[in-house]
Amino acid sequence: MKKIFTIYIATTLSVGLFTGCFNQTIGKKNVKITSQARHKSTMKPYIVLGQPYEPTFISAGEKMKGISSWYGPTFHGKYTSNGEIYDMNDMTAAHKTWPMDTMVRVQNHDNGKSVVVRITDRGPFVNGRIIDCSYAAGKAIGLDKAGIANVTITALSFKSKLEGTRQIAKVTQAVKIPLNNFSIQVGAFKNPNIAQNAKSRYANLDSKKVVKTKSFSSSDGQPIYRVFIDGFDTEAEARDFIVLHNLDTKIIIRG
């Protein structure tokens, strides 16, 4: 009975703690080190979407393998679990159980890049994912392109400010690779106006991709206007983009 009561209390507190699932209003100045009271609260067991989680204290050097994702504009300016205001341009991250202010190295096994982040939030609450990087941290290891990546995370230190954020960002910034020739077909229309509307709509998905309309001749000699999203280095990247944006297509073209 005692354990059930503790979890219930933590669950009621979670409405005010877990930005990864709940929206909140800005009203306090951003702080860089978690207060003792907030730190104590964030180490209590809690439940999200029916799944129980139990934060634990860890040792420097502890590692965990899994999938990393990133979160950005949707949560920018809202409270994180440790009471800070989330800035997607800071080198921070969310973890389900590791203590707040833990300094963590995130190593992307898909491209070899790494970045150091400070845990300020709880999440991600998706099966298989172990850490949610901020937009800036995610971009530094290529998550802005792939969406998710296989990573190893390593605890470096605790209760520390992330000093020299700009320097770290510069060192770990993802190298820009020239776009290759993989494209996704997202539509085929007989009406050029409808094709143009589709092109405008898909252009808002990712500013780094190029949306084009190309004209082809159908079997009856009439033109067909196909809409493509260009700018993918590999077929795998294109497929990840389809999944990330829930696109209703499986057509990937090279060349």
C-alpha atoms as a PDB file:
ATOM      1  CA  MET A   1       0.000   0.000   0.000  1.00  0.00           C
ATOM      2  CA  LYS A   2       2.843   2.383   0.763  1.00  0.00           C
ATOM      3  CA  LYS A   3       4.369   1.933  -2.712  1.00  0.00           C
ATOM      4  CA  ILE A   4       1.037   2.572  -4.422  1.00  0.00           C
ATOM      5  CA  PHE A   5       0.573   5.783  -2.427  1.00  0.00           C
ATOM      6  CA  THR A   6       4.044   7.035  -3.383  1.00  0.00           C
ATOM      7  CA  ILE A   7       3.418   6.412  -7.078  1.00  0.00           C
ATOM      8  CA  TYR A   8       0.068   8.166  -6.903  1.00  0.00           C
ATOM      9  CA  ILE A   9       1.640  11.293  -5.388  1.00  0.00           C
ATOM     10  CA  ALA A  10       4.360  11.294  -8.051  1.00  0.00           C
ATOM     11  CA  THR A  11       1.714  10.987 -10.747  1.00  0.00           C
ATOM     12  CA  THR A  12      -0.149  14.047  -9.540  1.00  0.00           C
ATOM     13  CA  LEU A  13       3.113  15.976  -9.485  1.00  0.00           C
ATOM     14  CA  SER A  14       3.947  14.889 -13.014  1.00  0.00           C
ATOM     15  CA  VAL A  15       1.440  17.347 -14.467  1.00  0.00           C
ATOM     16  CA  GLY A  16       3.819  20.082 -13.374  1.00  0.00           C
ATOM     17  CA  LEU A  17       7.051  18.269 -14.100  1.00  0.00           C
ATOM     18  CA  PHE A  18       7.060  16.513 -17.455  1.00  0.00           C
ATOM     19  CA  THR A  19       7.160  18.829 -20.424  1.00  0.00           C
ATOM     20  CA  GLY A  20       7.705  15.832 -22.676  1.00  0.00           C
ATOM     21  CA  CYS A  21       3.973  15.094 -22.387  1.00  0.00           C
ATOM     22  CA  PHE A  22       2.274  18.218 -21.066  1.00  0.00           C
ATOM     23  CA  ASN A  23       2.263  21.854 -22.216  1.00  0.00           C
ATOM     24  CA  GLN A  24       2.888  24.573 -19.616  1.00  0.00           C
ATOM     25  CA  THR A  25       2.990  28.337 -19.403  1.00  0.00           C
ATOM     26  CA  ILE A  26       6.111  30.495 -19.176  1.00  0.00           C
ATOM     27  CA  GLY A  27       6.349  32.496 -15.978  1.00  0.00           C
ATOM     28  CA  LYS A  28       9.689  31.918 -14.264  1.00  0.00           C
ATOM     29  CA  LYS A  29      13.232  32.875 -15.083  1.00  0.00           C
ATOM     30  CA  ASN A  30      15.358  30.114 -16.555  1.00  0.00           C
ATOM     31  CA  VAL A  31      17.748  28.492 -14.043  1.00  0.00           C
ATOM     32  CA  LYS A  32      20.806  26.402 -14.847  1.00  0.00           C
ATOM     33  CA  ILE A  33      21.056  24.143 -11.800  1.00  0.00           C
ATOM     34  CA  THR A  34      18.115  22.211 -10.415  1.00  0.00           C
ATOM     35  CA  SER A  35      16.969  23.322  -6.947  1.00  0.00           C
ATOM     36  CA  GLN A  36      17.125  20.765  -4.136  1.00  0.00           C
ATOM     37  CA  ALA A  37      13.342  20.657  -3.819  1.00  0.00           C
ATOM     38  CA  ARG A  38      12.821  20.143  -7.529  1.00  0.00           C
ATOM     39  CA  HIS A  39      15.626  17.594  -7.691  1.00  0.00           C
ATOM     40  CA  LYS A  40      13.957  15.593  -4.914  1.00  0.00           C
ATOM     41  CA  SER A  41      10.651  15.685  -6.776  1.00  0.00           C
ATOM     42  CA  THR A  42      12.165  14.540 -10.054  1.00  0.00           C
ATOM     43  CA  MET A  43      13.673  11.458  -8.369  1.00  0.00           C
ATOM     44  CA  LYS A  44      10.274  10.102  -7.274  1.00  0.00           C
ATOM     45  CA  PRO A  45       8.572   7.239  -9.137  1.00  0.00           C
ATOM     46  CA  TYR A  46       5.995   8.388 -11.671  1.00  0.00           C
ATOM     47  CA  ILE A  47       3.591   7.086 -14.288  1.00  0.00           C
ATOM     48  CA  VAL A  48       3.147   8.349 -17.859  1.00  0.00           C
ATOM     49  CA  LEU A  49       0.581   6.824 -20.233  1.00  0.00           C
ATOM     50  CA  GLY A  50       0.098   3.941 -17.811  1.00  0.00           C
ATOM     51  CA  GLN A  51       3.814   3.052 -17.748  1.00  0.00           C
ATOM     52  CA  PRO A  52       5.645   3.330 -14.388  1.00  0.00           C
ATOM     53  CA  TYR A  53       9.146   4.820 -14.234  1.00  0.00           C
ATOM     54  CA  GLU A  54      11.543   4.911 -11.284  1.00  0.00           C
ATOM     55  CA  PRO A  55      14.399   7.460 -11.463  1.00  0.00           C
ATOM     56  CA  THR A  56      17.671   6.139 -10.080  1.00  0.00           C
ATOM     57  CA  PHE A  57      21.017   7.536  -8.975  1.00  0.00           C
ATOM     58  CA  ILE A  58      23.881   6.378 -11.165  1.00  0.00           C
ATOM     59  CA  SER A  59      27.684   6.452 -11.247  1.00  0.00           C
ATOM     60  CA  ALA A  60      29.908   8.358 -13.652  1.00  0.00           C
ATOM     61  CA  GLY A  61      30.836   6.115 -16.539  1.00  0.00           C
ATOM     62  CA  GLU A  62      27.502   4.304 -16.642  1.00  0.00           C
ATOM     63  CA  LYS A  63      26.353   3.598 -20.195  1.00  0.00           C
ATOM     64  CA  MET A  64      23.095   2.836 -21.964  1.00  0.00           C
ATOM     65  CA  LYS A  65      22.426   1.838 -25.565  1.00  0.00           C
ATOM     66  CA  GLY A  66      19.293   2.547 -27.553  1.00  0.00           C
ATOM     67  CA  ILE A  67      17.668   5.073 -29.844  1.00  0.00           C
ATOM     68  CA  SER A  68      17.963   8.845 -29.584  1.00  0.00           C
ATOM     69  CA  SER A  69      15.411  11.299 -30.932  1.00  0.00           C
ATOM     70  CA  TRP A  70      15.127  15.086 -30.629  1.00  0.00           C
ATOM     71  CA  TYR A  71      12.505  17.648 -29.642  1.00  0.00           C
ATOM     72  CA  GLY A  72      12.350  21.279 -30.650  1.00  0.00           C
ATOM     73  CA  PRO A  73       9.850  24.014 -31.583  1.00  0.00           C
ATOM     74  CA  THR A  74       6.773  22.360 -30.048  1.00  0.00           C
ATOM     75  CA  PHE A  75       8.306  22.566 -26.556  1.00  0.00           C
ATOM     76  CA  HIS A  76      10.495  25.653 -27.011  1.00  0.00           C
ATOM     77  CA  GLY A  77       9.802  28.156 -24.216  1.00  0.00           C
ATOM     78  CA  LYS A  78       7.935  25.699 -21.971  1.00  0.00           C
ATOM     79  CA  TYR A  79       8.964  24.301 -18.598  1.00  0.00           C
ATOM     80  CA  THR A  80      11.217  21.270 -18.368  1.00  0.00           C
ATOM     81  CA  SER A  81      11.008  18.743 -15.542  1.00  0.00           C
ATOM     82  CA  ASN A  82      13.721  20.466 -13.486  1.00  0.00           C
ATOM     83  CA  GLY A  83      11.979  23.865 -13.614  1.00  0.00           C
ATOM     84  CA  GLU A  84      14.008  25.484 -16.383  1.00  0.00           C
ATOM     85  CA  ILE A  85      12.586  27.044 -19.514  1.00  0.00           C
ATOM     86  CA  TYR A  86      13.368  24.798 -22.468  1.00  0.00           C
ATOM     87  CA  ASP A  87      15.550  26.439 -25.097  1.00  0.00           C
ATOM     88  CA  MET A  88      15.932  24.198 -28.132  1.00  0.00           C
ATOM     89  CA  ASN A  89      19.257  25.950 -28.913  1.00  0.00           C
ATOM     90  CA  ASP A  90      20.860  24.844 -25.618  1.00  0.00           C
ATOM     91  CA  MET A  91      22.807  21.590 -25.269  1.00  0.00           C
ATOM     92  CA  THR A  92      20.268  19.731 -23.121  1.00  0.00           C
ATOM     93  CA  ALA A  93      18.314  16.481 -23.205  1.00  0.00           C
ATOM     94  CA  ALA A  94      15.502  14.466 -21.638  1.00  0.00           C
ATOM     95  CA  HIS A  95      15.973  11.070 -19.972  1.00  0.00           C
ATOM     96  CA  LYS A  96      13.347   8.926 -18.261  1.00  0.00           C
ATOM     97  CA  THR A  97      15.312   7.952 -15.136  1.00  0.00           C
ATOM     98  CA  TRP A  98      18.766   9.524 -14.863  1.00  0.00           C
ATOM     99  CA  PRO A  99      19.136  12.446 -12.395  1.00  0.00           C
ATOM    100  CA  MET A 100      18.719  16.053 -13.458  1.00  0.00           C
ATOM    101  CA  ASP A 101      21.948  17.931 -14.313  1.00  0.00           C
ATOM    102  CA  THR A 102      23.721  14.717 -15.292  1.00  0.00           C
ATOM    103  CA  MET A 103      26.260  15.540 -17.987  1.00  0.00           C
ATOM    104  CA  VAL A 104      25.925  12.947 -20.748  1.00  0.00           C
ATOM    105  CA  ARG A 105      27.899  12.162 -23.882  1.00  0.00           C
ATOM    106  CA  VAL A 106      25.647  10.997 -26.729  1.00  0.00           C
ATOM    107  CA  GLN A 107      27.520   8.944 -29.348  1.00  0.00           C
ATOM    108  CA  ASN A 108      25.737   8.449 -32.679  1.00  0.00           C
ATOM    109  CA  HIS A 109      26.752   5.043 -34.040  1.00  0.00           C
ATOM    110  CA  ASP A 110      25.177   5.765 -37.417  1.00  0.00           C
ATOM    111  CA  ASN A 111      27.705   8.490 -38.297  1.00  0.00           C
ATOM    112  CA  GLY A 112      30.301   8.526 -35.476  1.00  0.00           C
ATOM    113  CA  LYS A 113      29.425  12.011 -34.200  1.00  0.00           C
ATOM    114  CA  SER A 114      29.001  12.816 -30.492  1.00  0.00           C
ATOM    115  CA  VAL A 115      27.805  15.650 -28.296  1.00  0.00           C
ATOM    116  CA  VAL A 116      27.711  16.465 -24.565  1.00  0.00           C
ATOM    117  CA  VAL A 117      24.366  17.433 -23.059  1.00  0.00           C
ATOM    118  CA  ARG A 118      22.869  18.170 -19.638  1.00  0.00           C
ATOM    119  CA  ILE A 119      19.697  16.360 -18.573  1.00  0.00           C
ATOM    120  CA  THR A 120      16.945  18.836 -17.735  1.00  0.00           C
ATOM    121  CA  ASP A 121      13.774  16.942 -18.641  1.00  0.00           C
ATOM    122  CA  ARG A 122      11.959  13.602 -18.494  1.00  0.00           C
ATOM    123  CA  GLY A 123      11.292  11.568 -21.619  1.00  0.00           C
ATOM    124  CA  PRO A 124      11.145  10.377 -24.344  1.00  0.00           C
ATOM    125  CA  PHE A 125       8.082   8.254 -23.607  1.00  0.00           C
ATOM    126  CA  VAL A 126       8.377   6.072 -26.705  1.00  0.00           C
ATOM    127  CA  ASN A 127       9.390   2.419 -26.594  1.00  0.00           C
ATOM    128  CA  GLY A 128      13.034   1.854 -27.467  1.00  0.00           C
ATOM    129  CA  ARG A 129      14.103   5.488 -27.166  1.00  0.00           C
ATOM    130  CA  ILE A 130      16.484   6.285 -24.324  1.00  0.00           C
ATOM    131  CA  ILE A 131      17.184  10.012 -24.742  1.00  0.00           C
ATOM    132  CA  ASP A 132      15.601  13.054 -26.370  1.00  0.00           C
ATOM    133  CA  CYS A 133      18.202  15.614 -27.436  1.00  0.00           C
ATOM    134  CA  SER A 134      17.456  19.306 -27.804  1.00  0.00           C
ATOM    135  CA  TYR A 135      17.298  20.584 -31.373  1.00  0.00           C
ATOM    136  CA  ALA A 136      20.847  22.016 -31.177  1.00  0.00           C
ATOM    137  CA  ALA A 137      22.304  18.831 -29.686  1.00  0.00           C
ATOM    138  CA  GLY A 138      20.399  16.677 -32.144  1.00  0.00           C
ATOM    139  CA  LYS A 139      21.627  18.752 -35.060  1.00  0.00           C
ATOM    140  CA  ALA A 140      25.219  18.385 -33.855  1.00  0.00           C
ATOM    141  CA  ILE A 141      25.033  14.609 -34.315  1.00  0.00           C
ATOM    142  CA  GLY A 142      22.832  14.552 -37.405  1.00  0.00           C
ATOM    143  CA  LEU A 143      19.404  13.901 -35.869  1.00  0.00           C
ATOM    144  CA  ASP A 144      17.924  16.845 -37.781  1.00  0.00           C
ATOM    145  CA  LYS A 145      18.365  14.762 -40.940  1.00  0.00           C
ATOM    146  CA  ALA A 146      17.619  11.225 -39.779  1.00  0.00           C
ATOM    147  CA  GLY A 147      15.133  11.996 -36.973  1.00  0.00           C
ATOM    148  CA  ILE A 148      16.411   9.113 -34.834  1.00  0.00           C
ATOM    149  CA  ALA A 149      19.734   7.298 -34.427  1.00  0.00           C
ATOM    150  CA  ASN A 150      21.333   4.351 -32.649  1.00  0.00           C
ATOM    151  CA  VAL A 151      23.380   5.759 -29.777  1.00  0.00           C
ATOM    152  CA  THR A 152      25.343   4.996 -26.656  1.00  0.00           C
ATOM    153  CA  ILE A 153      24.984   7.485 -23.819  1.00  0.00           C
ATOM    154  CA  THR A 154      27.607   7.821 -21.100  1.00  0.00           C
ATOM    155  CA  ALA A 155      27.197   9.624 -17.770  1.00  0.00           C
ATOM    156  CA  LEU A 156      30.145  12.004 -17.309  1.00  0.00           C
ATOM    157  CA  SER A 157      29.417  14.046 -14.162  1.00  0.00           C
ATOM    158  CA  PHE A 158      26.618  15.403 -11.992  1.00  0.00           C
ATOM    159  CA  LYS A 159      25.176  18.705 -10.755  1.00  0.00           C
ATOM    160  CA  SER A 160      27.260  20.628 -13.274  1.00  0.00           C
ATOM    161  CA  LYS A 161      26.634  23.569 -15.536  1.00  0.00           C
ATOM    162  CA  LEU A 162      27.411  23.026 -19.180  1.00  0.00           C
ATOM    163  CA  GLU A 163      30.151  25.598 -19.534  1.00  0.00           C
ATOM    164  CA  GLY A 164      31.398  26.679 -22.954  1.00  0.00           C
ATOM    165  CA  THR A 165      28.217  25.605 -24.748  1.00  0.00           C
ATOM    166  CA  ARG A 166      29.132  27.465 -27.936  1.00  0.00           C
ATOM    167  CA  GLN A 167      32.584  25.860 -28.033  1.00  0.00           C
ATOM    168  CA  ILE A 168      31.135  22.379 -27.577  1.00  0.00           C
ATOM    169  CA  ALA A 169      28.566  23.077 -30.267  1.00  0.00           C
ATOM    170  CA  LYS A 170      31.295  24.170 -32.652  1.00  0.00           C
ATOM    171  CA  VAL A 171      33.419  21.082 -32.056  1.00  0.00           C
ATOM    172  CA  THR A 172      30.538  18.618 -32.453  1.00  0.00           C
ATOM    173  CA  GLN A 173      28.646  20.402 -35.215  1.00  0.00           C
ATOM    174  CA  ALA A 174      27.554  18.016 -37.953  1.00  0.00           C
ATOM    175  CA  VAL A 175      29.584  18.294 -41.139  1.00  0.00           C
ATOM    176  CA  LYS A 176      27.432  19.406 -44.064  1.00  0.00           C
ATOM    177  CA  ILE A 177      27.365  16.778 -46.776  1.00  0.00           C
ATOM    178  CA  PRO A 178      26.385  17.678 -50.350  1.00  0.00           C
ATOM    179  CA  LEU A 179      22.899  16.454 -51.129  1.00  0.00           C
ATOM    180  CA  ASN A 180      22.747  13.294 -53.173  1.00  0.00           C
ATOM    181  CA  ASN A 181      20.177  12.227 -55.727  1.00  0.00           C
ATOM    182  CA  PHE A 182      17.443  10.378 -53.825  1.00  0.00           C
ATOM    183  CA  SER A 183      13.910  11.775 -54.045  1.00  0.00           C
ATOM    184  CA  ILE A 184      10.497  10.921 -52.628  1.00  0.00           C
ATOM    185  CA  GLN A 185       7.429  11.123 -54.850  1.00  0.00           C
ATOM    186  CA  VAL A 186       4.593  12.539 -52.755  1.00  0.00           C
ATOM    187  CA  GLY A 187       1.946  13.038 -55.411  1.00  0.00           C
ATOM    188  CA  ALA A 188       0.894  12.677 -59.062  1.00  0.00           C
ATOM    189  CA  PHE A 189      -1.810  14.943 -60.533  1.00  0.00           C
ATOM    190  CA  LYS A 190      -3.413  15.710 -63.887  1.00  0.00           C
ATOM    191  CA  ASN A 191      -4.286  19.233 -62.750  1.00  0.00           C
ATOM    192  CA  PRO A 192      -1.175  21.470 -62.594  1.00  0.00           C
ATOM    193  CA  ASN A 193      -2.828  23.799 -60.069  1.00  0.00           C
ATOM    194  CA  ILE A 194      -3.403  20.933 -57.626  1.00  0.00           C
ATOM    195  CA  ALA A 195       0.199  19.846 -58.133  1.00  0.00           C
ATOM    196  CA  GLN A 196       1.380  23.371 -57.333  1.00  0.00           C
ATOM    197  CA  ASN A 197      -0.718  23.434 -54.156  1.00  0.00           C
ATOM    198  CA  ALA A 198       0.804  20.118 -53.096  1.00  0.00           C
ATOM    199  CA  LYS A 199       4.288  21.453 -53.786  1.00  0.00           C
ATOM    200  CA  SER A 200       3.641  24.474 -51.546  1.00  0.00           C
ATOM    201  CA  ARG A 201       2.281  22.268 -48.764  1.00  0.00           C
ATOM    202  CA  TYR A 202       5.220  19.865 -48.713  1.00  0.00           C
ATOM    203  CA  ALA A 203       7.727  22.727 -48.907  1.00  0.00           C
ATOM    204  CA  ASN A 204       6.908  23.509 -45.259  1.00  0.00           C
ATOM    205  CA  LEU A 205       8.052  20.107 -43.970  1.00  0.00           C
ATOM    206  CA  ASP A 206      11.795  20.740 -44.045  1.00  0.00           C
ATOM    207  CA  SER A 207      13.553  23.897 -45.186  1.00  0.00           C
ATOM    208  CA  LYS A 208      16.655  21.869 -46.129  1.00  0.00           C
ATOM    209  CA  LYS A 209      14.807  19.831 -48.730  1.00  0.00           C
ATOM    210  CA  VAL A 210      13.769  20.966 -52.198  1.00  0.00           C
ATOM    211  CA  VAL A 211      10.254  20.256 -53.456  1.00  0.00           C
ATOM    212  CA  LYS A 212       9.895  20.061 -57.239  1.00  0.00           C
ATOM    213  CA  THR A 213       7.137  19.434 -59.769  1.00  0.00           C
ATOM    214  CA  LYS A 214       8.030  17.489 -62.909  1.00  0.00           C
ATOM    215  CA  SER A 215       5.856  16.831 -65.940  1.00  0.00           C
ATOM    216  CA  PHE A 216       5.586  13.352 -67.484  1.00  0.00           C
ATOM    217  CA  SER A 217       3.490  11.950 -70.303  1.00  0.00           C
ATOM    218  CA  SER A 218       0.877   9.355 -69.358  1.00  0.00           C
ATOM    219  CA  SER A 219      -0.114   6.373 -71.514  1.00  0.00           C
ATOM    220  CA  ASP A 220      -2.890   8.405 -73.118  1.00  0.00           C
ATOM    221  CA  GLY A 221      -0.531  11.244 -74.007  1.00  0.00           C
ATOM    222  CA  GLN A 222      -1.849  13.598 -71.324  1.00  0.00           C
ATOM    223  CA  PRO A 223       0.637  15.264 -68.950  1.00  0.00           C
ATOM    224  CA  ILE A 224       1.003  14.025 -65.370  1.00  0.00           C
ATOM    225  CA  TYR A 225       2.481  16.408 -62.809  1.00  0.00           C
ATOM    226  CA  ARG A 226       4.473  14.573 -60.160  1.00  0.00           C
ATOM    227  CA  VAL A 227       5.647  16.222 -56.950  1.00  0.00           C
ATOM    228  CA  PHE A 228       9.016  15.184 -55.495  1.00  0.00           C
ATOM    229  CA  ILE A 229      10.949  16.011 -52.327  1.00  0.00           C
ATOM    230  CA  ASP A 230      14.641  16.089 -53.296  1.00  0.00           C
ATOM    231  CA  GLY A 231      17.831  16.177 -51.246  1.00  0.00           C
ATOM    232  CA  PHE A 232      18.394  12.794 -49.578  1.00  0.00           C
ATOM    233  CA  ASP A 233      21.885  11.329 -49.255  1.00  0.00           C
ATOM    234  CA  THR A 234      20.716   7.721 -49.023  1.00  0.00           C
ATOM    235  CA  GLU A 235      17.616   5.628 -49.540  1.00  0.00           C
ATOM    236  CA  ALA A 236      17.548   4.932 -45.787  1.00  0.00           C
ATOM    237  CA  GLU A 237      17.417   8.670 -45.056  1.00  0.00           C
ATOM    238  CA  ALA A 238      14.496   9.041 -47.463  1.00  0.00           C
ATOM    239  CA  ARG A 239      12.623   6.168 -45.802  1.00  0.00           C
ATOM    240  CA  ASP A 240      13.205   7.654 -42.342  1.00  0.00           C
ATOM    241  CA  PHE A 241      11.812  10.962 -43.638  1.00  0.00           C
ATOM    242  CA  ILE A 242       8.666   9.191 -44.846  1.00  0.00           C
ATOM    243  CA  VAL A 243       8.151   7.619 -41.419  1.00  0.00           C
ATOM    244  CA  LEU A 244       8.994  10.801 -39.501  1.00  0.00           C
ATOM    245  CA  HIS A 245       6.448  12.884 -41.413  1.00  0.00           C
ATOM    246  CA  ASN A 246       3.888  10.078 -41.850  1.00  0.00           C
ATOM    247  CA  LEU A 247       3.857  10.469 -45.636  1.00  0.00           C
ATOM    248  CA  ASP A 248       1.446   8.365 -47.641  1.00  0.00           C
ATOM    249  CA  THR A 249       3.982   7.101 -50.177  1.00  0.00           C
ATOM    250  CA  LYS A 250       6.585   4.390 -50.694  1.00  0.00           C
ATOM    251  CA  ILE A 251       8.025   5.724 -53.940  1.00  0.00           C
ATOM    252  CA  ILE A 252      11.739   6.592 -53.707  1.00  0.00           C
ATOM    253  CA  ILE A 253      13.645   7.514 -56.850  1.00  0.00           C
ATOM    254  CA  ARG A 254      17.375   7.740 -57.449  1.00  0.00           C
ATOM    255  CA  GLY A 255      18.840   9.855 -60.214  1.00  0.00           C
END
